[in-house]
Amino acid sequence: MMKWIDTHTHIYGEEFNEDRKEMIERAKEAGVFAALLPNIDAQSIPALFRVCDEYPDFAYPMMGLHPTSVNEDYTTELETIKNRL
């Protein structure tokens, strides 16, 4: 079986709260052995780290600011993200 890395997933989002465990199990069964989770903004960090803590050998955080969350105050947002590391 081929092994895969999911290089971009927001599986920590609340829309996946009900079936996250099952989705991760299906991904593993399909050969996915790691998932990289980019955060969206400072508010998404707690959920992102919670999933990474729950699945430490599968889910890995990527810190930054999603392009759709860039606004006039982006430097403050980036500083907040940096301080949460």
N, C-alpha and C. Protein backbone atom coordinates (compact mmCIF):
# COMPACT_ATOMS: atom_id res chain seq x y z
N MET A 1 0.84 -1.17 0.00
CA MET A 1 0.00 0.00 0.00
C MET A 1 0.89 1.24 0.00
N MET A 2 0.50 2.24 -0.77
CA MET A 2 1.24 3.50 -0.79
C MET A 2 0.98 4.25 0.50
N LYS A 3 1.97 5.02 0.93
CA LYS A 3 1.83 5.87 2.11
C LYS A 3 1.70 7.31 1.66
N TRP A 4 0.86 8.08 2.36
CA TRP A 4 0.56 9.44 1.96
C TRP A 4 0.68 10.39 3.14
N ILE A 5 0.93 11.66 2.82
CA ILE A 5 0.87 12.75 3.79
C ILE A 5 -0.17 13.74 3.28
N ASP A 6 -1.10 14.09 4.13
CA ASP A 6 -2.06 15.14 3.80
C ASP A 6 -1.38 16.46 4.15
N THR A 7 -1.05 17.26 3.16
CA THR A 7 -0.24 18.46 3.39
C THR A 7 -1.06 19.70 3.74
N HIS A 8 -2.38 19.59 3.80
CA HIS A 8 -3.18 20.77 4.13
C HIS A 8 -4.60 20.33 4.51
N THR A 9 -4.86 20.30 5.80
CA THR A 9 -6.21 19.98 6.25
C THR A 9 -6.58 20.81 7.46
N HIS A 10 -7.81 21.26 7.50
CA HIS A 10 -8.34 22.02 8.64
C HIS A 10 -9.29 21.12 9.43
N ILE A 11 -8.88 19.89 9.65
CA ILE A 11 -9.74 18.91 10.33
C ILE A 11 -10.02 19.29 11.78
N TYR A 12 -9.33 20.29 12.29
CA TYR A 12 -9.58 20.78 13.64
C TYR A 12 -10.81 21.69 13.69
N GLY A 13 -11.35 22.06 12.53
CA GLY A 13 -12.51 22.95 12.48
C GLY A 13 -13.72 22.34 13.15
N GLU A 14 -14.57 23.19 13.69
CA GLU A 14 -15.74 22.71 14.44
C GLU A 14 -16.69 21.90 13.57
N GLU A 15 -16.67 22.11 12.26
CA GLU A 15 -17.55 21.33 11.39
C GLU A 15 -17.18 19.85 11.36
N PHE A 16 -15.99 19.52 11.90
CA PHE A 16 -15.55 18.12 11.95
C PHE A 16 -15.65 17.54 13.36
N ASN A 17 -16.21 18.27 14.31
CA ASN A 17 -16.27 17.80 15.69
C ASN A 17 -17.00 16.47 15.84
N GLU A 18 -18.05 16.28 15.07
CA GLU A 18 -18.88 15.08 15.23
C GLU A 18 -18.24 13.82 14.67
N ASP A 19 -17.43 13.94 13.62
CA ASP A 19 -16.90 12.73 12.99
C ASP A 19 -15.39 12.77 12.75
N ARG A 20 -14.68 13.63 13.49
CA ARG A 20 -13.23 13.76 13.29
C ARG A 20 -12.51 12.42 13.48
N LYS A 21 -12.83 11.73 14.54
CA LYS A 21 -12.15 10.46 14.82
C LYS A 21 -12.35 9.48 13.66
N GLU A 22 -13.56 9.37 13.17
CA GLU A 22 -13.85 8.45 12.08
C GLU A 22 -13.14 8.88 10.79
N MET A 23 -13.09 10.19 10.55
CA MET A 23 -12.42 10.68 9.35
C MET A 23 -10.92 10.37 9.39
N ILE A 24 -10.33 10.54 10.56
CA ILE A 24 -8.90 10.25 10.70
C ILE A 24 -8.65 8.75 10.53
N GLU A 25 -9.51 7.93 11.07
CA GLU A 25 -9.35 6.48 10.91
C GLU A 25 -9.47 6.08 9.44
N ARG A 26 -10.42 6.67 8.72
CA ARG A 26 -10.56 6.37 7.29
C ARG A 26 -9.32 6.82 6.52
N ALA A 27 -8.78 7.97 6.88
CA ALA A 27 -7.56 8.46 6.22
C ALA A 27 -6.41 7.49 6.47
N LYS A 28 -6.26 7.02 7.69
CA LYS A 28 -5.20 6.06 8.01
C LYS A 28 -5.39 4.77 7.23
N GLU A 29 -6.62 4.30 7.15
CA GLU A 29 -6.90 3.07 6.40
C GLU A 29 -6.56 3.24 4.92
N ALA A 30 -6.66 4.47 4.41
CA ALA A 30 -6.34 4.75 3.01
C ALA A 30 -4.85 4.97 2.78
N GLY A 31 -4.05 4.91 3.86
CA GLY A 31 -2.61 5.04 3.72
C GLY A 31 -2.03 6.38 4.15
N VAL A 32 -2.88 7.29 4.66
CA VAL A 32 -2.38 8.57 5.14
C VAL A 32 -1.76 8.34 6.52
N PHE A 33 -0.47 8.67 6.65
CA PHE A 33 0.20 8.43 7.94
C PHE A 33 0.51 9.73 8.67
N ALA A 34 0.27 10.88 8.03
CA ALA A 34 0.50 12.16 8.68
C ALA A 34 -0.37 13.22 8.02
N ALA A 35 -0.80 14.19 8.84
CA ALA A 35 -1.59 15.31 8.34
C ALA A 35 -1.00 16.60 8.88
N LEU A 36 -0.79 17.56 7.99
CA LEU A 36 -0.27 18.86 8.37
C LEU A 36 -1.45 19.82 8.49
N LEU A 37 -1.57 20.46 9.65
CA LEU A 37 -2.72 21.31 9.95
C LEU A 37 -2.30 22.77 10.02
N PRO A 38 -2.57 23.56 8.98
CA PRO A 38 -2.27 24.98 9.02
C PRO A 38 -3.34 25.73 9.81
N ASN A 39 -2.89 26.65 10.68
CA ASN A 39 -3.91 27.43 11.37
C ASN A 39 -4.43 28.52 10.43
N ILE A 40 -5.55 29.11 10.82
CA ILE A 40 -6.19 30.13 10.01
C ILE A 40 -5.83 31.52 10.54
N ASP A 41 -5.94 31.67 11.86
CA ASP A 41 -5.65 32.92 12.53
C ASP A 41 -5.42 32.60 14.01
N ALA A 42 -5.27 33.62 14.84
CA ALA A 42 -4.99 33.38 16.25
C ALA A 42 -6.11 32.61 16.94
N GLN A 43 -7.35 32.83 16.51
CA GLN A 43 -8.48 32.15 17.15
C GLN A 43 -8.52 30.65 16.86
N SER A 44 -7.90 30.21 15.79
CA SER A 44 -7.95 28.79 15.45
C SER A 44 -6.89 27.96 16.17
N ILE A 45 -5.95 28.62 16.83
CA ILE A 45 -4.83 27.90 17.43
C ILE A 45 -5.25 26.90 18.51
N PRO A 46 -6.13 27.24 19.46
CA PRO A 46 -6.49 26.25 20.49
C PRO A 46 -7.06 24.96 19.90
N ALA A 47 -7.96 25.06 18.94
CA ALA A 47 -8.55 23.86 18.34
C ALA A 47 -7.49 23.07 17.58
N LEU A 48 -6.61 23.77 16.88
CA LEU A 48 -5.55 23.11 16.13
C LEU A 48 -4.65 22.30 17.07
N PHE A 49 -4.19 22.94 18.15
CA PHE A 49 -3.31 22.23 19.09
C PHE A 49 -4.03 21.10 19.82
N ARG A 50 -5.32 21.27 20.06
CA ARG A 50 -6.09 20.20 20.72
C ARG A 50 -6.09 18.94 19.86
N VAL A 51 -6.31 19.10 18.56
CA VAL A 51 -6.31 17.94 17.66
C VAL A 51 -4.90 17.34 17.57
N CYS A 52 -3.88 18.20 17.49
CA CYS A 52 -2.51 17.69 17.44
C CYS A 52 -2.16 16.93 18.72
N ASP A 53 -2.65 17.40 19.86
CA ASP A 53 -2.42 16.69 21.13
C ASP A 53 -3.17 15.35 21.18
N GLU A 54 -4.37 15.31 20.59
CA GLU A 54 -5.17 14.08 20.58
C GLU A 54 -4.60 13.03 19.63
N TYR A 55 -3.92 13.48 18.57
CA TYR A 55 -3.36 12.58 17.55
C TYR A 55 -1.89 12.92 17.31
N PRO A 56 -1.04 12.74 18.34
CA PRO A 56 0.35 13.22 18.26
C PRO A 56 1.21 12.53 17.21
N ASP A 57 0.89 11.36 16.81
CA ASP A 57 1.67 10.66 15.79
C ASP A 57 1.04 10.77 14.41
N PHE A 58 0.07 11.67 14.27
CA PHE A 58 -0.64 11.82 13.01
C PHE A 58 -0.79 13.29 12.59
N ALA A 59 -1.20 14.14 13.52
CA ALA A 59 -1.51 15.54 13.22
C ALA A 59 -0.38 16.45 13.67
N TYR A 60 0.07 17.34 12.77
CA TYR A 60 1.20 18.23 13.03
C TYR A 60 0.81 19.66 12.70
N PRO A 61 1.07 20.60 13.63
CA PRO A 61 0.66 21.99 13.41
C PRO A 61 1.57 22.74 12.46
N MET A 62 0.98 23.66 11.72
CA MET A 62 1.74 24.62 10.89
C MET A 62 1.20 26.00 11.27
N MET A 63 2.09 26.87 11.72
CA MET A 63 1.67 28.17 12.22
C MET A 63 1.86 29.25 11.17
N GLY A 64 0.91 30.17 11.13
CA GLY A 64 0.96 31.27 10.19
C GLY A 64 -0.39 31.96 10.14
N LEU A 65 -0.60 32.70 9.09
CA LEU A 65 -1.85 33.43 8.89
C LEU A 65 -2.39 33.08 7.51
N HIS A 66 -3.58 32.52 7.48
CA HIS A 66 -4.21 32.13 6.23
C HIS A 66 -4.48 33.36 5.37
N PRO A 67 -4.24 33.28 4.08
CA PRO A 67 -4.44 34.45 3.20
C PRO A 67 -5.82 35.08 3.30
N THR A 68 -6.84 34.30 3.58
CA THR A 68 -8.19 34.87 3.69
C THR A 68 -8.39 35.63 4.99
N SER A 69 -7.43 35.53 5.92
CA SER A 69 -7.53 36.23 7.19
C SER A 69 -6.63 37.46 7.27
N VAL A 70 -5.98 37.79 6.18
CA VAL A 70 -5.12 38.97 6.17
C VAL A 70 -6.00 40.22 6.01
N ASN A 71 -5.81 41.16 6.93
CA ASN A 71 -6.53 42.44 6.83
C ASN A 71 -5.58 43.57 7.20
N GLU A 72 -6.10 44.77 7.42
CA GLU A 72 -5.25 45.91 7.70
C GLU A 72 -4.40 45.71 8.95
N ASP A 73 -4.87 44.94 9.89
CA ASP A 73 -4.19 44.74 11.17
C ASP A 73 -3.41 43.43 11.19
N TYR A 74 -2.93 42.98 10.05
CA TYR A 74 -2.28 41.67 9.97
C TYR A 74 -1.02 41.57 10.82
N THR A 75 -0.29 42.67 11.02
CA THR A 75 0.94 42.58 11.82
C THR A 75 0.61 42.26 13.28
N THR A 76 -0.46 42.82 13.80
CA THR A 76 -0.88 42.51 15.17
C THR A 76 -1.31 41.05 15.26
N GLU A 77 -2.04 40.59 14.27
CA GLU A 77 -2.48 39.19 14.24
C GLU A 77 -1.28 38.25 14.20
N LEU A 78 -0.30 38.55 13.37
CA LEU A 78 0.92 37.72 13.29
C LEU A 78 1.67 37.73 14.62
N GLU A 79 1.74 38.86 15.28
CA GLU A 79 2.41 38.94 16.57
C GLU A 79 1.67 38.09 17.61
N THR A 80 0.34 38.13 17.58
CA THR A 80 -0.45 37.30 18.49
C THR A 80 -0.18 35.82 18.25
N ILE A 81 -0.12 35.43 16.99
CA ILE A 81 0.17 34.03 16.63
C ILE A 81 1.57 33.66 17.12
N LYS A 82 2.53 34.51 16.87
CA LYS A 82 3.91 34.26 17.31
C LYS A 82 3.98 34.06 18.82
N ASN A 83 3.25 34.86 19.57
CA ASN A 83 3.28 34.77 21.02
C ASN A 83 2.56 33.55 21.56
N ARG A 84 1.76 32.89 20.75
CA ARG A 84 1.03 31.68 21.18
C ARG A 84 1.85 30.42 20.98
N LEU A 85 3.01 30.55 20.36
CA LEU A 85 3.86 29.37 20.10
C LEU A 85 4.52 28.88 21.37
